[in-house]
N, C-alpha and C. Protein backbone atom coordinates (compact mmCIF):
# COMPACT_ATOMS: atom_id res chain seq x y z
N MET A 1 -24.42 10.43 0.69
CA MET A 1 -23.65 10.85 -0.47
C MET A 1 -22.45 11.66 0.00
N VAL A 2 -21.31 11.36 -0.59
CA VAL A 2 -20.08 12.10 -0.32
C VAL A 2 -19.70 12.83 -1.60
N THR A 3 -19.40 14.12 -1.46
CA THR A 3 -19.09 14.95 -2.63
C THR A 3 -17.82 15.76 -2.37
N PHE A 4 -17.00 15.92 -3.40
CA PHE A 4 -15.84 16.81 -3.31
C PHE A 4 -15.60 17.42 -4.68
N THR A 5 -14.84 18.51 -4.69
CA THR A 5 -14.48 19.15 -5.96
C THR A 5 -12.98 18.99 -6.20
N HIS A 6 -12.63 18.97 -7.46
CA HIS A 6 -11.22 18.82 -7.84
C HIS A 6 -11.01 19.51 -9.18
N THR A 7 -9.90 20.22 -9.30
CA THR A 7 -9.53 20.84 -10.57
C THR A 7 -8.41 20.03 -11.20
N ILE A 8 -8.59 19.64 -12.45
CA ILE A 8 -7.58 18.87 -13.17
C ILE A 8 -6.35 19.76 -13.37
N VAL A 9 -5.20 19.32 -12.86
CA VAL A 9 -3.97 20.10 -12.98
C VAL A 9 -2.95 19.42 -13.89
N ASN A 10 -3.18 18.16 -14.23
CA ASN A 10 -2.28 17.44 -15.11
C ASN A 10 -2.27 18.13 -16.47
N SER A 11 -1.10 18.42 -17.01
CA SER A 11 -0.99 19.18 -18.26
C SER A 11 -1.66 18.49 -19.44
N THR A 12 -1.77 17.18 -19.41
CA THR A 12 -2.41 16.45 -20.51
C THR A 12 -3.88 16.13 -20.22
N GLY A 13 -4.38 16.58 -19.10
CA GLY A 13 -5.78 16.32 -18.76
C GLY A 13 -6.01 14.86 -18.40
N LEU A 14 -7.25 14.45 -18.50
CA LEU A 14 -7.62 13.07 -18.15
C LEU A 14 -7.80 12.31 -19.47
N HIS A 15 -6.67 11.91 -20.07
CA HIS A 15 -6.68 11.21 -21.35
C HIS A 15 -6.90 9.71 -21.15
N ALA A 16 -6.71 8.92 -22.18
CA ALA A 16 -7.09 7.50 -22.18
C ALA A 16 -6.51 6.68 -21.03
N ARG A 17 -5.22 6.76 -20.80
CA ARG A 17 -4.61 5.92 -19.77
C ARG A 17 -5.14 6.23 -18.38
N PRO A 18 -5.09 7.50 -17.92
CA PRO A 18 -5.62 7.76 -16.59
C PRO A 18 -7.14 7.56 -16.51
N ALA A 19 -7.85 7.77 -17.61
CA ALA A 19 -9.30 7.52 -17.61
C ALA A 19 -9.58 6.04 -17.37
N ALA A 20 -8.79 5.18 -18.01
CA ALA A 20 -8.96 3.74 -17.83
C ALA A 20 -8.62 3.33 -16.40
N LEU A 21 -7.56 3.91 -15.85
CA LEU A 21 -7.19 3.61 -14.46
C LEU A 21 -8.25 4.09 -13.48
N LEU A 22 -8.82 5.26 -13.74
CA LEU A 22 -9.87 5.80 -12.88
C LEU A 22 -11.11 4.91 -12.93
N ALA A 23 -11.51 4.50 -14.12
CA ALA A 23 -12.69 3.63 -14.26
C ALA A 23 -12.46 2.30 -13.53
N LYS A 24 -11.26 1.75 -13.67
CA LYS A 24 -10.93 0.49 -13.00
C LYS A 24 -10.99 0.66 -11.48
N LEU A 25 -10.50 1.78 -10.98
CA LEU A 25 -10.57 2.08 -9.56
C LEU A 25 -12.03 2.16 -9.11
N CYS A 26 -12.84 2.89 -9.85
CA CYS A 26 -14.25 3.06 -9.48
C CYS A 26 -15.02 1.74 -9.49
N GLN A 27 -14.63 0.84 -10.38
CA GLN A 27 -15.31 -0.45 -10.49
C GLN A 27 -15.09 -1.33 -9.27
N ARG A 28 -14.13 -1.01 -8.45
CA ARG A 28 -13.87 -1.78 -7.22
C ARG A 28 -14.95 -1.55 -6.16
N TYR A 29 -15.71 -0.50 -6.32
CA TYR A 29 -16.67 -0.10 -5.28
C TYR A 29 -18.10 -0.35 -5.74
N GLN A 30 -18.96 -0.64 -4.76
CA GLN A 30 -20.37 -0.92 -5.04
C GLN A 30 -21.15 0.35 -5.32
N CYS A 31 -20.72 1.45 -4.75
CA CYS A 31 -21.48 2.70 -4.87
C CYS A 31 -21.41 3.27 -6.28
N GLU A 32 -22.32 4.18 -6.56
CA GLU A 32 -22.32 4.90 -7.83
C GLU A 32 -21.38 6.09 -7.69
N ILE A 33 -20.52 6.28 -8.68
CA ILE A 33 -19.57 7.40 -8.67
C ILE A 33 -19.81 8.22 -9.94
N VAL A 34 -20.10 9.51 -9.74
CA VAL A 34 -20.41 10.40 -10.86
C VAL A 34 -19.46 11.59 -10.82
N LEU A 35 -18.89 11.91 -11.98
CA LEU A 35 -18.03 13.08 -12.14
C LEU A 35 -18.83 14.12 -12.90
N ASN A 36 -19.11 15.24 -12.26
CA ASN A 36 -19.87 16.31 -12.91
C ASN A 36 -18.90 17.38 -13.38
N SER A 37 -18.99 17.68 -14.66
CA SER A 37 -18.17 18.72 -15.28
C SER A 37 -19.12 19.65 -16.01
N GLY A 38 -19.36 20.81 -15.44
CA GLY A 38 -20.34 21.72 -16.04
C GLY A 38 -21.71 21.08 -15.98
N SER A 39 -22.34 20.93 -17.12
CA SER A 39 -23.68 20.33 -17.16
C SER A 39 -23.62 18.84 -17.48
N ARG A 40 -22.42 18.28 -17.60
CA ARG A 40 -22.27 16.86 -17.95
C ARG A 40 -22.07 16.01 -16.71
N ALA A 41 -22.77 14.88 -16.65
CA ALA A 41 -22.60 13.89 -15.59
C ALA A 41 -21.95 12.67 -16.21
N LEU A 42 -20.72 12.37 -15.79
CA LEU A 42 -19.94 11.27 -16.35
C LEU A 42 -19.92 10.11 -15.36
N GLN A 43 -20.20 8.92 -15.84
CA GLN A 43 -20.19 7.73 -15.00
C GLN A 43 -18.75 7.30 -14.73
N GLY A 44 -18.37 7.27 -13.46
CA GLY A 44 -17.00 6.96 -13.09
C GLY A 44 -16.53 5.57 -13.45
N LYS A 45 -17.46 4.63 -13.60
CA LYS A 45 -17.08 3.25 -13.90
C LYS A 45 -16.95 2.99 -15.39
N SER A 46 -17.16 4.01 -16.21
CA SER A 46 -17.13 3.85 -17.67
C SER A 46 -16.01 4.69 -18.29
N VAL A 47 -15.06 4.02 -18.92
CA VAL A 47 -13.97 4.72 -19.59
C VAL A 47 -14.53 5.63 -20.68
N VAL A 48 -15.47 5.12 -21.45
CA VAL A 48 -16.06 5.89 -22.55
C VAL A 48 -16.73 7.16 -22.02
N SER A 49 -17.46 7.02 -20.92
CA SER A 49 -18.13 8.18 -20.33
C SER A 49 -17.11 9.22 -19.87
N ILE A 50 -16.06 8.78 -19.21
CA ILE A 50 -15.03 9.70 -18.72
C ILE A 50 -14.36 10.42 -19.90
N LEU A 51 -14.00 9.66 -20.93
CA LEU A 51 -13.34 10.26 -22.09
C LEU A 51 -14.26 11.22 -22.83
N SER A 52 -15.56 10.95 -22.82
CA SER A 52 -16.51 11.82 -23.53
C SER A 52 -16.59 13.20 -22.90
N GLY A 53 -16.11 13.32 -21.66
CA GLY A 53 -16.14 14.61 -20.97
C GLY A 53 -15.08 15.58 -21.44
N GLY A 54 -14.06 15.08 -22.15
CA GLY A 54 -12.98 15.95 -22.63
C GLY A 54 -12.34 16.74 -21.50
N LEU A 55 -11.96 16.04 -20.43
CA LEU A 55 -11.47 16.69 -19.22
C LEU A 55 -10.02 17.15 -19.40
N LYS A 56 -9.86 18.43 -19.62
CA LYS A 56 -8.55 19.04 -19.86
C LYS A 56 -8.04 19.75 -18.60
N LYS A 57 -6.79 20.15 -18.65
CA LYS A 57 -6.21 20.91 -17.55
C LYS A 57 -7.08 22.13 -17.26
N GLY A 58 -7.37 22.35 -15.98
CA GLY A 58 -8.18 23.48 -15.57
C GLY A 58 -9.66 23.16 -15.40
N THR A 59 -10.08 21.98 -15.86
CA THR A 59 -11.48 21.57 -15.71
C THR A 59 -11.79 21.32 -14.25
N GLN A 60 -12.87 21.89 -13.77
CA GLN A 60 -13.29 21.64 -12.39
C GLN A 60 -14.34 20.54 -12.37
N LEU A 61 -14.10 19.54 -11.54
CA LEU A 61 -15.01 18.41 -11.38
C LEU A 61 -15.66 18.46 -10.02
N THR A 62 -16.91 18.05 -9.96
CA THR A 62 -17.57 17.76 -8.70
C THR A 62 -17.82 16.27 -8.72
N VAL A 63 -17.20 15.55 -7.81
CA VAL A 63 -17.29 14.10 -7.78
C VAL A 63 -18.22 13.70 -6.64
N SER A 64 -19.17 12.81 -6.97
CA SER A 64 -20.13 12.34 -5.98
C SER A 64 -20.08 10.82 -5.92
N ALA A 65 -20.09 10.29 -4.71
CA ALA A 65 -20.17 8.85 -4.49
C ALA A 65 -21.40 8.60 -3.62
N SER A 66 -22.23 7.67 -4.06
CA SER A 66 -23.46 7.39 -3.34
C SER A 66 -23.69 5.89 -3.26
N GLY A 67 -23.72 5.37 -2.04
CA GLY A 67 -23.94 3.94 -1.87
C GLY A 67 -23.24 3.43 -0.63
N PRO A 68 -23.20 2.11 -0.49
CA PRO A 68 -22.72 1.50 0.76
C PRO A 68 -21.27 1.81 1.13
N ASP A 69 -20.39 1.97 0.16
CA ASP A 69 -18.97 2.21 0.45
C ASP A 69 -18.53 3.58 -0.07
N GLU A 70 -19.44 4.54 -0.01
CA GLU A 70 -19.21 5.86 -0.61
C GLU A 70 -18.02 6.62 -0.03
N ALA A 71 -17.83 6.56 1.28
CA ALA A 71 -16.74 7.31 1.90
C ALA A 71 -15.38 6.78 1.43
N GLU A 72 -15.24 5.48 1.43
CA GLU A 72 -13.99 4.85 1.00
C GLU A 72 -13.73 5.13 -0.49
N ALA A 73 -14.77 5.03 -1.30
CA ALA A 73 -14.64 5.28 -2.74
C ALA A 73 -14.25 6.72 -3.01
N ALA A 74 -14.91 7.66 -2.36
CA ALA A 74 -14.61 9.08 -2.56
C ALA A 74 -13.17 9.39 -2.18
N GLN A 75 -12.72 8.81 -1.09
CA GLN A 75 -11.35 9.04 -0.64
C GLN A 75 -10.35 8.49 -1.66
N ALA A 76 -10.63 7.30 -2.20
CA ALA A 76 -9.73 6.69 -3.18
C ALA A 76 -9.69 7.49 -4.48
N VAL A 77 -10.85 7.94 -4.94
CA VAL A 77 -10.91 8.73 -6.18
C VAL A 77 -10.21 10.07 -5.99
N GLN A 78 -10.41 10.69 -4.85
CA GLN A 78 -9.77 11.97 -4.58
C GLN A 78 -8.24 11.81 -4.57
N ALA A 79 -7.75 10.76 -3.92
CA ALA A 79 -6.31 10.51 -3.88
C ALA A 79 -5.77 10.26 -5.29
N PHE A 80 -6.50 9.50 -6.09
CA PHE A 80 -6.08 9.22 -7.46
C PHE A 80 -5.97 10.50 -8.28
N LEU A 81 -6.99 11.35 -8.20
CA LEU A 81 -7.00 12.59 -8.97
C LEU A 81 -5.87 13.53 -8.52
N GLN A 82 -5.59 13.56 -7.23
CA GLN A 82 -4.51 14.42 -6.73
C GLN A 82 -3.15 13.92 -7.21
N GLU A 83 -2.98 12.62 -7.29
CA GLU A 83 -1.71 12.05 -7.75
C GLU A 83 -1.45 12.34 -9.22
N LEU A 84 -2.51 12.54 -10.00
CA LEU A 84 -2.34 12.84 -11.43
C LEU A 84 -1.61 14.16 -11.65
N GLY A 85 -1.74 15.07 -10.72
CA GLY A 85 -1.12 16.37 -10.88
C GLY A 85 0.35 16.40 -10.51
N GLU A 86 0.84 15.35 -9.92
CA GLU A 86 2.22 15.34 -9.45
C GLU A 86 3.18 14.94 -10.54
């Protein structure tokens, strides 16, 4: 399992468009990707799950990837989340 933390810095948070792009990115990988926000575990491959988290600016996420391509998936998700803040 590969885990990292990330704080949402995008002023609009993780709204519909970036949530859809994130889910599409996660779907490319075989491993399970989970975004933990507080006590909520959000499935990275599900747009609905990501949106249900209400991820606003300042939200701290712990992202976990577990499976055969976990390292590559975690790196891609981390890069995606960092680009959202730019």
